[in-house]
Amino acid sequence: MSKAQETRQKIVREAALLFNRQGYAGASMADIMRVTGLQKGGIYNHFGSKEELALEAFEYMIQEITRHYMAAIRSQRHAVDRLLAMLEVYRHYIDQPPIEGGCPILNTAVESDDTHPVMRQRVRQALDSWQSLIRRVLERGMERGEVRPGTDADELATLLIAMVEGAVMMSKVYDDSIYLERAIRHLQIQLQAVRADAVRS
């Protein structure tokens, strides 16, 4: 990796943590200079605008989160166990988050709702990808006889994401992980309920 690539990655990594903690609007160029140790010109050598940096920082955060839950999914063979393993990743979201500052999807969605349409579109793409992954796991599980036939994969994916994201938000607001624990316990019951009685080899 070249020196320029290393510098670019460092900017993205440090800016990602800053944006996730302070928000896009709340993080000034002076803040970005402070956390990266670079002058404004050094940052703009790599990024044409603050928005361009924010988009790449968001992409970096999504990749980090995806890396964590994909590792969990790949550790299991049964479809239901794969989604249960994904929930376990989120169980530690409050105390040991993959990215400091909370869930970047939730944080960015709230901030970009009406003010940053390009960022909002990236959040939608991240959510689409997450929903698609859960749906594929469930549909493949039905094909293999691991998930009850007729399970509504779209509905379950929506419930899983909405409950986890909402519970993360509540746990952060109240500084109490009990809200996330409750959501995960409920989702574990929901997932066990769609487990097929017999698993074909």
C-alpha atoms as a PDB file:
ATOM      1  CA  MET A   1       0.000   0.000   0.000  1.00  0.00           C
ATOM      2  CA  SER A   2       1.363   3.423  -0.964  1.00  0.00           C
ATOM      3  CA  LYS A   3       1.860   6.260   1.505  1.00  0.00           C
ATOM      4  CA  ALA A   4      -1.000   8.156  -0.123  1.00  0.00           C
ATOM      5  CA  GLN A   5      -3.347   5.156   0.306  1.00  0.00           C
ATOM      6  CA  GLU A   6      -2.324   4.780   3.945  1.00  0.00           C
ATOM      7  CA  THR A   7      -3.016   8.456   4.569  1.00  0.00           C
ATOM      8  CA  ARG A   8      -6.394   8.245   2.858  1.00  0.00           C
ATOM      9  CA  GLN A   9      -7.380   5.226   4.949  1.00  0.00           C
ATOM     10  CA  LYS A  10      -6.285   6.990   8.126  1.00  0.00           C
ATOM     11  CA  ILE A  11      -8.423  10.023   7.256  1.00  0.00           C
ATOM     12  CA  VAL A  12     -11.441   7.817   6.570  1.00  0.00           C
ATOM     13  CA  ARG A  13     -10.983   5.787   9.758  1.00  0.00           C
ATOM     14  CA  GLU A  14     -10.560   8.786  12.058  1.00  0.00           C
ATOM     15  CA  ALA A  15     -13.304  10.793  10.361  1.00  0.00           C
ATOM     16  CA  ALA A  16     -15.694   7.838  10.640  1.00  0.00           C
ATOM     17  CA  LEU A  17     -15.338   7.736  14.428  1.00  0.00           C
ATOM     18  CA  LEU A  18     -15.727  11.506  14.595  1.00  0.00           C
ATOM     19  CA  PHE A  19     -18.855  11.603  12.419  1.00  0.00           C
ATOM     20  CA  ASN A  20     -20.420   8.713  14.311  1.00  0.00           C
ATOM     21  CA  ARG A  21     -19.877  10.410  17.673  1.00  0.00           C
ATOM     22  CA  GLN A  22     -20.614  14.022  16.735  1.00  0.00           C
ATOM     23  CA  GLY A  23     -22.658  13.750  13.554  1.00  0.00           C
ATOM     24  CA  TYR A  24     -21.901  15.128  10.120  1.00  0.00           C
ATOM     25  CA  ALA A  25     -23.114  18.629  10.957  1.00  0.00           C
ATOM     26  CA  GLY A  26     -21.518  18.591  14.402  1.00  0.00           C
ATOM     27  CA  ALA A  27     -18.061  17.677  13.137  1.00  0.00           C
ATOM     28  CA  SER A  28     -16.225  20.718  11.811  1.00  0.00           C
ATOM     29  CA  MET A  29     -13.248  20.757   9.480  1.00  0.00           C
ATOM     30  CA  ALA A  30     -11.181  21.831  12.493  1.00  0.00           C
ATOM     31  CA  ASP A  31     -12.331  18.655  14.271  1.00  0.00           C
ATOM     32  CA  ILE A  32     -11.353  16.543  11.273  1.00  0.00           C
ATOM     33  CA  MET A  33      -7.933  18.224  11.178  1.00  0.00           C
ATOM     34  CA  ARG A  34      -7.517  17.569  14.898  1.00  0.00           C
ATOM     35  CA  VAL A  35      -8.306  13.841  14.802  1.00  0.00           C
ATOM     36  CA  THR A  36      -6.313  13.168  11.634  1.00  0.00           C
ATOM     37  CA  GLY A  37      -3.369  15.401  12.495  1.00  0.00           C
ATOM     38  CA  LEU A  38      -3.504  16.885   8.992  1.00  0.00           C
ATOM     39  CA  GLN A  39      -3.975  20.394   7.680  1.00  0.00           C
ATOM     40  CA  LYS A  40      -6.971  21.274   5.547  1.00  0.00           C
ATOM     41  CA  GLY A  41      -4.913  21.071   2.363  1.00  0.00           C
ATOM     42  CA  GLY A  42      -3.733  17.595   3.268  1.00  0.00           C
ATOM     43  CA  ILE A  43      -7.321  16.416   3.698  1.00  0.00           C
ATOM     44  CA  TYR A  44      -8.510  18.052   0.478  1.00  0.00           C
ATOM     45  CA  ASN A  45      -5.668  16.373  -1.389  1.00  0.00           C
ATOM     46  CA  HIS A  46      -7.621  13.161  -0.896  1.00  0.00           C
ATOM     47  CA  PHE A  47     -11.239  14.320  -0.768  1.00  0.00           C
ATOM     48  CA  GLY A  48     -12.945  16.997  -2.807  1.00  0.00           C
ATOM     49  CA  SER A  49     -15.427  17.906  -0.083  1.00  0.00           C
ATOM     50  CA  LYS A  50     -16.555  17.123   3.433  1.00  0.00           C
ATOM     51  CA  GLU A  51     -19.552  15.260   1.948  1.00  0.00           C
ATOM     52  CA  GLU A  52     -17.262  13.034  -0.112  1.00  0.00           C
ATOM     53  CA  LEU A  53     -15.298  12.196   3.035  1.00  0.00           C
ATOM     54  CA  ALA A  54     -18.508  11.562   4.983  1.00  0.00           C
ATOM     55  CA  LEU A  55     -19.786   9.142   2.337  1.00  0.00           C
ATOM     56  CA  GLU A  56     -16.550   7.166   2.338  1.00  0.00           C
ATOM     57  CA  ALA A  57     -16.450   7.204   6.152  1.00  0.00           C
ATOM     58  CA  PHE A  58     -20.002   5.820   6.238  1.00  0.00           C
ATOM     59  CA  GLU A  59     -19.004   3.095   3.788  1.00  0.00           C
ATOM     60  CA  TYR A  60     -16.061   2.197   6.018  1.00  0.00           C
ATOM     61  CA  MET A  61     -18.352   1.903   9.064  1.00  0.00           C
ATOM     62  CA  ILE A  62     -20.812  -0.324   7.196  1.00  0.00           C
ATOM     63  CA  GLN A  63     -17.978  -2.579   6.086  1.00  0.00           C
ATOM     64  CA  GLU A  64     -16.782  -2.912   9.688  1.00  0.00           C
ATOM     65  CA  ILE A  65     -20.254  -3.835  10.950  1.00  0.00           C
ATOM     66  CA  THR A  66     -20.811  -6.241   8.056  1.00  0.00           C
ATOM     67  CA  ARG A  67     -17.490  -7.934   8.786  1.00  0.00           C
ATOM     68  CA  HIS A  68     -18.614  -8.635  12.361  1.00  0.00           C
ATOM     69  CA  TYR A  69     -22.015 -10.115  11.606  1.00  0.00           C
ATOM     70  CA  MET A  70     -20.859 -12.033   8.523  1.00  0.00           C
ATOM     71  CA  ALA A  71     -18.217 -13.754  10.654  1.00  0.00           C
ATOM     72  CA  ALA A  72     -20.973 -14.716  13.097  1.00  0.00           C
ATOM     73  CA  ILE A  73     -23.233 -15.992  10.311  1.00  0.00           C
ATOM     74  CA  ARG A  74     -20.478 -18.073   8.744  1.00  0.00           C
ATOM     75  CA  SER A  75     -19.792 -19.729  12.092  1.00  0.00           C
ATOM     76  CA  GLN A  76     -23.165 -21.541  11.876  1.00  0.00           C
ATOM     77  CA  ARG A  77     -24.726 -23.881   9.301  1.00  0.00           C
ATOM     78  CA  HIS A  78     -28.419 -23.882  10.236  1.00  0.00           C
ATOM     79  CA  ALA A  79     -30.362 -20.863   8.959  1.00  0.00           C
ATOM     80  CA  VAL A  80     -31.963 -20.052  12.311  1.00  0.00           C
ATOM     81  CA  ASP A  81     -28.654 -20.438  14.138  1.00  0.00           C
ATOM     82  CA  ARG A  82     -27.081 -18.034  11.651  1.00  0.00           C
ATOM     83  CA  LEU A  83     -29.591 -15.314  12.495  1.00  0.00           C
ATOM     84  CA  LEU A  84     -29.299 -16.052  16.215  1.00  0.00           C
ATOM     85  CA  ALA A  85     -25.527 -15.592  15.875  1.00  0.00           C
ATOM     86  CA  MET A  86     -26.146 -12.246  14.187  1.00  0.00           C
ATOM     87  CA  LEU A  87     -28.262 -11.182  17.167  1.00  0.00           C
ATOM     88  CA  GLU A  88     -25.410 -12.086  19.509  1.00  0.00           C
ATOM     89  CA  VAL A  89     -23.213  -9.570  17.684  1.00  0.00           C
ATOM     90  CA  TYR A  90     -25.761  -6.868  18.447  1.00  0.00           C
ATOM     91  CA  ARG A  91     -26.071  -7.957  22.070  1.00  0.00           C
ATOM     92  CA  HIS A  92     -22.626  -6.408  22.632  1.00  0.00           C
ATOM     93  CA  TYR A  93     -23.416  -3.270  20.640  1.00  0.00           C
ATOM     94  CA  ILE A  94     -23.742  -1.057  23.701  1.00  0.00           C
ATOM     95  CA  ASP A  95     -20.676  -2.169  25.677  1.00  0.00           C
ATOM     96  CA  GLN A  96     -18.401  -3.242  22.807  1.00  0.00           C
ATOM     97  CA  PRO A  97     -19.584  -1.554  19.618  1.00  0.00           C
ATOM     98  CA  PRO A  98     -17.775  -2.290  16.336  1.00  0.00           C
ATOM     99  CA  ILE A  99     -17.761   1.480  15.810  1.00  0.00           C
ATOM    100  CA  GLU A 100     -17.688   3.907  18.756  1.00  0.00           C
ATOM    101  CA  GLY A 101     -20.691   6.191  19.041  1.00  0.00           C
ATOM    102  CA  GLY A 102     -23.496   3.753  18.345  1.00  0.00           C
ATOM    103  CA  CYS A 103     -25.009   2.342  15.171  1.00  0.00           C
ATOM    104  CA  PRO A 104     -23.911   4.407  12.154  1.00  0.00           C
ATOM    105  CA  ILE A 105     -27.013   3.394  10.209  1.00  0.00           C
ATOM    106  CA  LEU A 106     -29.295   4.764  12.917  1.00  0.00           C
ATOM    107  CA  ASN A 107     -27.150   7.833  13.584  1.00  0.00           C
ATOM    108  CA  THR A 108     -26.823   8.710   9.911  1.00  0.00           C
ATOM    109  CA  ALA A 109     -30.476   7.999   9.131  1.00  0.00           C
ATOM    110  CA  VAL A 110     -31.647  10.442  11.781  1.00  0.00           C
ATOM    111  CA  GLU A 111     -29.272  13.189  10.709  1.00  0.00           C
ATOM    112  CA  SER A 112     -29.655  12.814   6.948  1.00  0.00           C
ATOM    113  CA  ASP A 113     -33.430  12.390   6.836  1.00  0.00           C
ATOM    114  CA  ASP A 114     -34.213  15.716   5.130  1.00  0.00           C
ATOM    115  CA  THR A 115     -30.900  17.531   4.894  1.00  0.00           C
ATOM    116  CA  HIS A 116     -28.500  15.178   3.065  1.00  0.00           C
ATOM    117  CA  PRO A 117     -30.296  13.219   0.305  1.00  0.00           C
ATOM    118  CA  VAL A 118     -27.123  11.528  -0.964  1.00  0.00           C
ATOM    119  CA  MET A 119     -26.271  10.243   2.505  1.00  0.00           C
ATOM    120  CA  ARG A 120     -29.882   9.214   3.033  1.00  0.00           C
ATOM    121  CA  GLN A 121     -29.668   7.131  -0.139  1.00  0.00           C
ATOM    122  CA  ARG A 122     -26.548   5.401   1.185  1.00  0.00           C
ATOM    123  CA  VAL A 123     -28.372   4.565   4.403  1.00  0.00           C
ATOM    124  CA  ARG A 124     -31.195   3.046   2.354  1.00  0.00           C
ATOM    125  CA  GLN A 125     -28.697   0.960   0.413  1.00  0.00           C
ATOM    126  CA  ALA A 126     -27.156  -0.295   3.657  1.00  0.00           C
ATOM    127  CA  LEU A 127     -30.593  -1.226   5.005  1.00  0.00           C
ATOM    128  CA  ASP A 128     -31.521  -2.889   1.711  1.00  0.00           C
ATOM    129  CA  SER A 129     -28.369  -4.981   1.901  1.00  0.00           C
ATOM    130  CA  TRP A 130     -29.063  -5.987   5.509  1.00  0.00           C
ATOM    131  CA  GLN A 131     -32.664  -6.936   4.755  1.00  0.00           C
ATOM    132  CA  SER A 132     -31.596  -8.849   1.663  1.00  0.00           C
ATOM    133  CA  LEU A 133     -29.064 -10.861   3.661  1.00  0.00           C
ATOM    134  CA  ILE A 134     -31.619 -11.881   6.300  1.00  0.00           C
ATOM    135  CA  ARG A 135     -34.162 -12.714   3.627  1.00  0.00           C
ATOM    136  CA  ARG A 136     -31.664 -14.900   1.741  1.00  0.00           C
ATOM    137  CA  VAL A 137     -30.727 -16.783   4.915  1.00  0.00           C
ATOM    138  CA  LEU A 138     -34.400 -17.517   5.628  1.00  0.00           C
ATOM    139  CA  GLU A 139     -35.275 -18.438   2.047  1.00  0.00           C
ATOM    140  CA  ARG A 140     -32.281 -20.748   1.796  1.00  0.00           C
ATOM    141  CA  GLY A 141     -33.331 -22.233   5.130  1.00  0.00           C
ATOM    142  CA  MET A 142     -36.788 -22.993   3.745  1.00  0.00           C
ATOM    143  CA  GLU A 143     -35.229 -24.674   0.702  1.00  0.00           C
ATOM    144  CA  ARG A 144     -33.112 -26.866   2.987  1.00  0.00           C
ATOM    145  CA  GLY A 145     -35.969 -27.719   5.339  1.00  0.00           C
ATOM    146  CA  GLU A 146     -34.474 -25.753   8.247  1.00  0.00           C
ATOM    147  CA  VAL A 147     -37.133 -23.027   8.322  1.00  0.00           C
ATOM    148  CA  ARG A 148     -40.879 -23.591   8.404  1.00  0.00           C
ATOM    149  CA  PRO A 149     -42.463 -23.381   4.937  1.00  0.00           C
ATOM    150  CA  GLY A 150     -44.462 -20.216   4.386  1.00  0.00           C
ATOM    151  CA  THR A 151     -42.333 -18.110   6.728  1.00  0.00           C
ATOM    152  CA  ASP A 152     -42.583 -14.474   5.639  1.00  0.00           C
ATOM    153  CA  ALA A 153     -38.904 -13.666   5.166  1.00  0.00           C
ATOM    154  CA  ASP A 154     -39.563 -10.012   4.338  1.00  0.00           C
ATOM    155  CA  GLU A 155     -41.645  -9.482   7.462  1.00  0.00           C
ATOM    156  CA  LEU A 156     -39.151 -11.202   9.747  1.00  0.00           C
ATOM    157  CA  ALA A 157     -36.251  -9.221   8.270  1.00  0.00           C
ATOM    158  CA  THR A 158     -38.154  -5.980   8.852  1.00  0.00           C
ATOM    159  CA  LEU A 159     -38.988  -6.912  12.454  1.00  0.00           C
ATOM    160  CA  LEU A 160     -35.433  -7.968  13.246  1.00  0.00           C
ATOM    161  CA  ILE A 161     -33.870  -4.767  11.944  1.00  0.00           C
ATOM    162  CA  ALA A 162     -36.531  -2.435  13.348  1.00  0.00           C
ATOM    163  CA  MET A 163     -36.420  -4.004  16.805  1.00  0.00           C
ATOM    164  CA  VAL A 164     -32.633  -4.119  17.028  1.00  0.00           C
ATOM    165  CA  GLU A 165     -32.199  -0.534  15.809  1.00  0.00           C
ATOM    166  CA  GLY A 166     -34.961   0.789  18.070  1.00  0.00           C
ATOM    167  CA  ALA A 167     -33.594  -1.084  21.062  1.00  0.00           C
ATOM    168  CA  VAL A 168     -30.051   0.190  20.429  1.00  0.00           C
ATOM    169  CA  MET A 169     -31.448   3.728  20.376  1.00  0.00           C
ATOM    170  CA  MET A 170     -33.370   3.247  23.625  1.00  0.00           C
ATOM    171  CA  SER A 171     -30.413   1.614  25.376  1.00  0.00           C
ATOM    172  CA  LYS A 172     -28.205   4.539  24.421  1.00  0.00           C
ATOM    173  CA  VAL A 173     -30.752   7.152  25.492  1.00  0.00           C
ATOM    174  CA  TYR A 174     -31.330   5.473  28.862  1.00  0.00           C
ATOM    175  CA  ASP A 175     -27.746   4.256  29.206  1.00  0.00           C
ATOM    176  CA  ASP A 176     -29.127   0.826  30.016  1.00  0.00           C
ATOM    177  CA  SER A 177     -28.660  -2.301  27.884  1.00  0.00           C
ATOM    178  CA  ILE A 178     -31.891  -3.861  29.214  1.00  0.00           C
ATOM    179  CA  TYR A 179     -33.849  -2.495  26.241  1.00  0.00           C
ATOM    180  CA  LEU A 180     -31.587  -4.249  23.776  1.00  0.00           C
ATOM    181  CA  GLU A 181     -31.649  -7.414  25.907  1.00  0.00           C
ATOM    182  CA  ARG A 182     -35.455  -7.432  25.845  1.00  0.00           C
ATOM    183  CA  ALA A 183     -35.579  -6.987  22.084  1.00  0.00           C
ATOM    184  CA  ILE A 184     -33.040  -9.750  21.517  1.00  0.00           C
ATOM    185  CA  ARG A 185     -34.900 -12.166  23.814  1.00  0.00           C
ATOM    186  CA  HIS A 186     -38.118 -11.516  21.902  1.00  0.00           C
ATOM    187  CA  LEU A 187     -36.405 -11.964  18.542  1.00  0.00           C
ATOM    188  CA  GLN A 188     -34.791 -15.202  19.719  1.00  0.00           C
ATOM    189  CA  ILE A 189     -38.279 -16.542  20.458  1.00  0.00           C
ATOM    190  CA  GLN A 190     -39.497 -15.381  17.051  1.00  0.00           C
ATOM    191  CA  LEU A 191     -36.617 -17.088  15.275  1.00  0.00           C
ATOM    192  CA  GLN A 192     -36.963 -20.340  17.235  1.00  0.00           C
ATOM    193  CA  ALA A 193     -40.644 -20.345  16.279  1.00  0.00           C
ATOM    194  CA  VAL A 194     -39.801 -20.600  12.571  1.00  0.00           C
ATOM    195  CA  ARG A 195     -37.295 -23.419  13.052  1.00  0.00           C
ATOM    196  CA  ALA A 196     -38.526 -26.537  11.239  1.00  0.00           C
ATOM    197  CA  ASP A 197     -39.129 -29.607  13.397  1.00  0.00           C
ATOM    198  CA  ALA A 198     -37.019 -31.839  11.161  1.00  0.00           C
ATOM    199  CA  VAL A 199     -33.884 -30.812   9.271  1.00  0.00           C
ATOM    200  CA  ARG A 200     -33.188 -32.679   6.052  1.00  0.00           C
ATOM    201  CA  SER A 201     -29.569 -33.492   5.321  1.00  0.00           C
END
